[in-house]
N, C-alpha and C. Protein backbone atom coordinates (compact mmCIF):
# COMPACT_ATOMS: atom_id res chain seq x y z
N ASP A 1 0.72 -1.19 0.03
CA ASP A 1 0.01 -0.03 -0.03
C ASP A 1 0.81 1.26 -0.05
N HIS A 2 1.91 1.25 0.96
CA HIS A 2 2.81 2.50 0.96
C HIS A 2 3.58 2.59 -0.52
N LEU A 3 3.88 1.37 -0.97
CA LEU A 3 4.77 1.35 -2.38
C LEU A 3 3.69 1.88 -3.35
N LYS A 4 2.67 1.57 -3.43
CA LYS A 4 1.71 2.16 -4.56
C LYS A 4 1.49 3.41 -4.46
N ALA A 5 1.32 3.93 -3.07
CA ALA A 5 1.06 5.35 -2.97
C ALA A 5 2.33 6.17 -3.39
N SER A 6 3.49 5.59 -2.94
CA SER A 6 4.85 6.36 -3.13
C SER A 6 4.76 6.40 -4.84
N VAL A 7 4.60 5.35 -5.56
CA VAL A 7 4.61 5.39 -7.24
C VAL A 7 3.76 6.67 -7.56
N VAL A 8 2.60 6.80 -7.04
CA VAL A 8 1.69 7.68 -7.54
C VAL A 8 2.20 9.07 -7.21
N TRP A 9 2.73 9.27 -6.05
CA TRP A 9 3.16 10.67 -5.58
C TRP A 9 4.49 11.10 -6.04
N ALA A 10 5.44 10.06 -6.76
CA ALA A 10 6.57 10.37 -7.37
C ALA A 10 6.12 10.85 -8.77
N GLY A 11 4.98 10.69 -9.26
CA GLY A 11 4.51 11.18 -10.66
C GLY A 11 3.83 12.42 -10.58
N LEU A 12 3.61 12.93 -9.29
CA LEU A 12 3.10 14.22 -9.24
C LEU A 12 3.95 15.34 -9.27
N SER A 13 3.27 16.52 -9.52
CA SER A 13 4.15 17.97 -9.67
C SER A 13 4.23 18.32 -8.21
N SER A 14 5.11 19.14 -8.14
CA SER A 14 5.50 19.87 -6.75
C SER A 14 4.20 20.49 -5.87
N GLU A 15 3.18 21.06 -6.89
CA GLU A 15 1.96 21.69 -6.52
C GLU A 15 1.07 20.61 -6.06
N ALA A 16 1.09 19.66 -6.85
CA ALA A 16 0.13 18.51 -6.39
C ALA A 16 0.48 17.80 -5.00
N LEU A 17 1.98 17.63 -4.87
CA LEU A 17 2.46 17.15 -3.70
C LEU A 17 1.89 18.14 -2.53
N GLU A 18 2.09 19.20 -2.67
CA GLU A 18 1.78 20.12 -1.51
C GLU A 18 0.08 20.09 -1.46
N HIS A 19 -0.68 19.88 -2.59
CA HIS A 19 -2.02 19.56 -2.06
C HIS A 19 -2.41 18.39 -1.40
N GLU A 20 -1.70 17.54 -1.70
CA GLU A 20 -1.68 16.25 -0.89
C GLU A 20 -1.43 16.41 0.42
N LEU A 21 -0.40 17.27 0.86
CA LEU A 21 0.11 17.50 2.16
C LEU A 21 -1.01 18.34 2.83
N ARG A 22 -1.52 19.17 2.10
CA ARG A 22 -2.56 20.14 2.86
C ARG A 22 -3.93 19.28 3.23
N SER A 23 -4.17 18.24 2.25
CA SER A 23 -5.21 17.58 2.48
C SER A 23 -5.24 16.54 3.72
N ARG A 24 -4.01 16.39 4.03
CA ARG A 24 -3.61 15.58 5.44
C ARG A 24 -3.29 16.41 6.52
N GLY A 25 -3.43 17.80 6.27
CA GLY A 25 -3.34 18.68 7.43
C GLY A 25 -2.04 18.91 7.61
N ILE A 26 -0.85 18.86 6.43
CA ILE A 26 0.28 19.26 6.73
C ILE A 26 0.62 20.36 6.00
N TYR A 27 0.89 21.68 6.58
CA TYR A 27 1.07 22.91 5.85
C TYR A 27 2.69 23.19 5.89
N LEU A 28 3.25 23.70 4.80
CA LEU A 28 4.67 23.84 4.75
C LEU A 28 4.72 25.43 4.85
N ASP A 29 5.64 25.62 5.80
CA ASP A 29 5.83 27.05 5.97
C ASP A 29 6.93 27.80 5.28
N ASN A 30 7.73 26.91 4.67
CA ASN A 30 8.84 27.42 3.87
C ASN A 30 9.19 26.46 2.76
N VAL A 31 10.24 26.93 1.95
CA VAL A 31 10.46 26.11 0.71
C VAL A 31 11.17 24.65 1.33
N GLN A 32 10.18 23.72 0.61
CA GLN A 32 10.66 22.16 1.00
C GLN A 32 11.11 21.51 -0.19
N THR A 33 12.19 20.73 -0.44
CA THR A 33 12.41 19.98 -1.52
C THR A 33 11.45 19.04 -1.84
N ARG A 34 11.51 18.48 -3.09
CA ARG A 34 10.73 17.47 -3.76
C ARG A 34 10.80 16.27 -2.71
N GLN A 35 12.01 15.76 -2.49
CA GLN A 35 12.15 14.67 -1.58
C GLN A 35 11.64 14.78 -0.22
N ARG A 36 11.61 15.96 0.33
CA ARG A 36 11.18 16.23 1.55
C ARG A 36 9.74 16.14 1.60
N LYS A 37 8.99 16.64 0.55
CA LYS A 37 7.64 16.51 0.49
C LYS A 37 7.16 15.10 0.39
N LEU A 38 7.88 14.28 -0.55
CA LEU A 38 7.44 12.92 -0.57
C LEU A 38 7.82 12.12 0.67
N PHE A 39 8.75 12.50 1.45
CA PHE A 39 8.99 11.92 2.96
C PHE A 39 7.76 12.35 3.73
N LEU A 40 7.51 13.68 3.62
CA LEU A 40 6.33 13.83 4.50
C LEU A 40 5.11 13.16 4.19
N LEU A 41 4.74 12.93 3.14
CA LEU A 41 3.51 12.20 2.54
C LEU A 41 3.71 10.69 3.05
N LEU A 42 4.74 10.11 2.96
CA LEU A 42 5.04 8.68 3.53
C LEU A 42 5.11 8.77 4.83
N ALA A 43 5.70 9.78 5.49
CA ALA A 43 5.44 9.66 7.11
C ALA A 43 4.12 9.87 7.42
N SER A 44 3.34 10.69 6.72
CA SER A 44 1.81 10.85 7.35
C SER A 44 1.30 9.46 7.31
N ARG A 45 1.42 8.66 6.41
CA ARG A 45 1.03 7.27 6.29
C ARG A 45 1.37 6.40 7.68
N CYS A 46 2.75 6.73 7.93
CA CYS A 46 3.30 5.73 9.03
C CYS A 46 3.41 6.41 10.39
N ARG A 47 2.77 7.76 10.17
CA ARG A 47 3.14 8.50 11.53
C ARG A 47 2.41 8.06 12.77
N LYS A 48 1.23 7.49 12.91
CA LYS A 48 0.56 6.92 14.28
C LYS A 48 1.49 5.77 14.77
N VAL A 49 1.91 4.91 14.10
CA VAL A 49 2.80 3.87 14.55
C VAL A 49 4.01 4.26 14.80
N TYR A 50 4.88 5.21 14.33
CA TYR A 50 5.96 5.83 14.80
C TYR A 50 5.66 6.66 16.01
N GLU A 51 4.75 7.60 16.10
CA GLU A 51 4.71 8.32 17.26
C GLU A 51 4.01 7.54 18.11
N ASP A 52 3.20 6.50 18.22
CA ASP A 52 2.96 5.68 19.45
C ASP A 52 4.16 5.14 20.09
N ILE A 53 5.15 5.05 19.63
CA ILE A 53 6.39 4.45 20.20
C ILE A 53 7.56 5.56 20.64
N GLY A 54 6.93 6.76 20.09
CA GLY A 54 7.75 7.99 20.77
C GLY A 54 8.91 8.49 19.51
N ILE A 55 8.62 8.00 18.36
CA ILE A 55 9.62 8.64 17.25
C ILE A 55 9.11 10.01 16.72
N PRO A 56 9.78 10.89 16.85
CA PRO A 56 9.54 12.34 16.22
C PRO A 56 9.68 12.35 14.78
N VAL A 57 8.65 11.86 13.82
CA VAL A 57 8.96 11.73 12.55
C VAL A 57 9.26 12.87 11.93
N ASP A 58 8.34 13.87 12.25
CA ASP A 58 8.58 15.21 11.39
C ASP A 58 9.85 15.83 11.53
N ARG A 59 10.62 15.38 12.62
CA ARG A 59 11.83 15.95 12.73
C ARG A 59 12.97 15.36 11.94
N LEU A 60 12.82 14.02 11.56
CA LEU A 60 13.85 13.06 11.14
C LEU A 60 13.87 13.48 9.35
N GLN A 61 14.97 13.15 8.83
CA GLN A 61 15.03 13.25 7.56
C GLN A 61 14.66 12.47 6.59
N SER A 62 14.41 10.90 7.14
CA SER A 62 14.03 10.13 5.93
C SER A 62 13.04 9.11 6.95
N LEU A 63 12.31 8.34 6.17
CA LEU A 63 11.77 7.26 6.54
C LEU A 63 12.72 6.11 7.17
N GLN A 64 13.92 5.86 6.44
CA GLN A 64 14.83 4.94 6.79
C GLN A 64 15.41 5.24 8.19
N ALA A 65 15.50 6.69 8.49
CA ALA A 65 15.98 7.23 9.86
C ALA A 65 14.74 6.64 10.85
N ALA A 66 13.61 6.93 10.48
CA ALA A 66 12.59 6.54 11.42
C ALA A 66 12.48 4.93 11.60
N SER A 67 12.81 4.13 10.65
CA SER A 67 12.80 2.74 10.74
C SER A 67 14.08 2.18 11.59
N LYS A 68 15.01 2.79 11.31
CA LYS A 68 16.28 2.47 12.23
C LYS A 68 15.91 2.82 13.63
N LEU A 69 15.36 4.11 13.95
CA LEU A 69 15.09 4.51 15.43
C LEU A 69 14.13 3.53 15.95
N ALA A 70 13.11 3.11 15.19
CA ALA A 70 12.24 2.06 15.64
C ALA A 70 12.81 0.83 16.05
N GLN A 71 13.97 0.32 15.36
CA GLN A 71 14.61 -0.89 15.55
C GLN A 71 15.26 -0.82 16.92
N VAL A 72 15.93 0.50 16.89
CA VAL A 72 17.04 0.74 18.26
C VAL A 72 15.84 0.83 19.40
N TYR A 73 14.80 1.46 19.21
CA TYR A 73 13.58 1.53 20.46
C TYR A 73 13.23 0.07 20.77
N LYS A 74 12.94 -0.69 19.65
CA LYS A 74 12.73 -2.24 20.07
C LYS A 74 13.70 -2.97 20.94
N ARG A 75 15.09 -2.79 20.47
CA ARG A 75 16.13 -3.35 21.10
C ARG A 75 16.37 -2.89 22.50
N LEU A 76 16.16 -1.70 22.78
CA LEU A 76 16.22 -1.23 23.97
C LEU A 76 15.22 -1.64 24.83
N ASP A 77 13.72 -1.69 24.49
CA ASP A 77 12.64 -2.34 25.12
C ASP A 77 12.86 -3.59 25.53
N LEU A 78 13.71 -4.36 24.87
CA LEU A 78 13.84 -5.82 25.09
C LEU A 78 15.23 -6.17 26.12
N MET A 79 15.91 -5.10 26.39
CA MET A 79 16.98 -5.16 27.32
C MET A 79 16.56 -5.61 28.74
N SER A 80 17.55 -6.31 29.54
CA SER A 80 17.34 -6.67 30.71
C SER A 80 17.86 -5.24 31.73
N PRO A 81 17.49 -5.17 32.76
CA PRO A 81 17.98 -3.96 33.49
C PRO A 81 19.72 -3.99 33.52
N GLU A 82 20.01 -5.11 33.42
CA GLU A 82 21.87 -5.36 33.51
C GLU A 82 22.20 -4.67 32.09
N GLU A 83 21.54 -5.27 30.96
CA GLU A 83 21.93 -4.78 29.85
C GLU A 83 21.68 -3.28 29.36
N SER A 84 20.79 -2.66 30.16
CA SER A 84 20.27 -1.40 30.10
C SER A 84 21.36 -0.37 30.77
N ARG A 85 21.89 -0.91 31.95
CA ARG A 85 23.03 -0.27 32.62
C ARG A 85 24.12 -0.33 31.83
N GLY A 86 24.48 -1.49 31.17
CA GLY A 86 25.65 -1.38 30.18
C GLY A 86 25.64 -0.54 29.06
N GLU A 87 24.51 -0.56 28.41
CA GLU A 87 24.07 0.69 27.28
C GLU A 87 24.46 2.02 27.83
N CYS A 88 23.67 2.26 29.07
CA CYS A 88 23.86 3.60 29.46
C CYS A 88 25.47 4.00 29.71
N ALA A 89 26.23 3.01 30.23
CA ALA A 89 27.64 3.11 30.57
C ALA A 89 28.27 3.30 29.16
N ALA A 90 28.08 2.66 28.35
CA ALA A 90 28.78 2.57 26.97
C ALA A 90 28.50 4.11 26.29
N LEU A 91 27.28 4.73 26.45
CA LEU A 91 26.97 5.76 25.90
C LEU A 91 27.31 7.16 26.69
N GLY A 92 27.73 6.74 28.01
CA GLY A 92 28.25 7.80 29.09
C GLY A 92 26.88 8.54 29.65
N LEU A 93 25.69 7.83 29.62
CA LEU A 93 24.80 8.45 30.44
C LEU A 93 24.44 8.00 31.75
N PRO A 94 23.73 8.76 32.46
CA PRO A 94 23.62 8.43 34.04
C PRO A 94 22.79 7.03 34.15
N GLN A 95 23.39 6.35 35.10
CA GLN A 95 22.61 4.98 35.41
C GLN A 95 21.26 5.20 35.70
N GLU A 96 20.77 6.24 36.34
CA GLU A 96 19.47 6.40 36.72
C GLU A 96 18.50 6.16 35.54
N LEU A 97 19.04 6.45 34.37
CA LEU A 97 18.19 6.06 33.19
C LEU A 97 17.65 4.73 33.14
N THR A 98 18.44 4.06 33.62
CA THR A 98 17.85 2.42 33.53
C THR A 98 16.66 2.15 34.36
N VAL A 99 16.39 2.91 35.28
CA VAL A 99 15.40 2.85 36.13
C VAL A 99 14.04 2.85 35.39
N SER A 100 13.78 4.04 34.62
CA SER A 100 12.75 4.04 33.83
C SER A 100 12.68 3.11 32.63
N ALA A 101 13.81 2.58 32.31
CA ALA A 101 13.69 1.46 30.99
C ALA A 101 13.53 0.24 31.75
N GLY A 102 13.78 -0.05 32.80
CA GLY A 102 13.42 -1.41 33.42
C GLY A 102 12.05 -1.53 33.85
N ALA A 103 11.52 -0.45 34.22
CA ALA A 103 10.03 -0.13 34.84
C ALA A 103 9.00 -0.64 33.70
N LYS A 104 9.49 -0.93 32.46
CA LYS A 104 8.33 -0.91 31.42
C LYS A 104 7.68 -2.44 31.58
């Protein structure tokens, strides 16, 4: 479904892409590249899934970045408290962060 929509959108003019964005409640306040417009349209289809797990779709540069971040989130959610502490140590983060991660 996402692929079919992408193929259709790829054939649209820049103005038509902007119209699609507006129809989804996405308004551009500055000049956006064609690639960014396509990303925003695709992101609008995936938005709920990503936002439900805390991924800020609109602030990312690509759907690949959102997908990679979702994979990292999944890996973090599956960590034991000990693994969480190790990850925090490796990243130089305070150990207190593992309390909220382990509480899930």
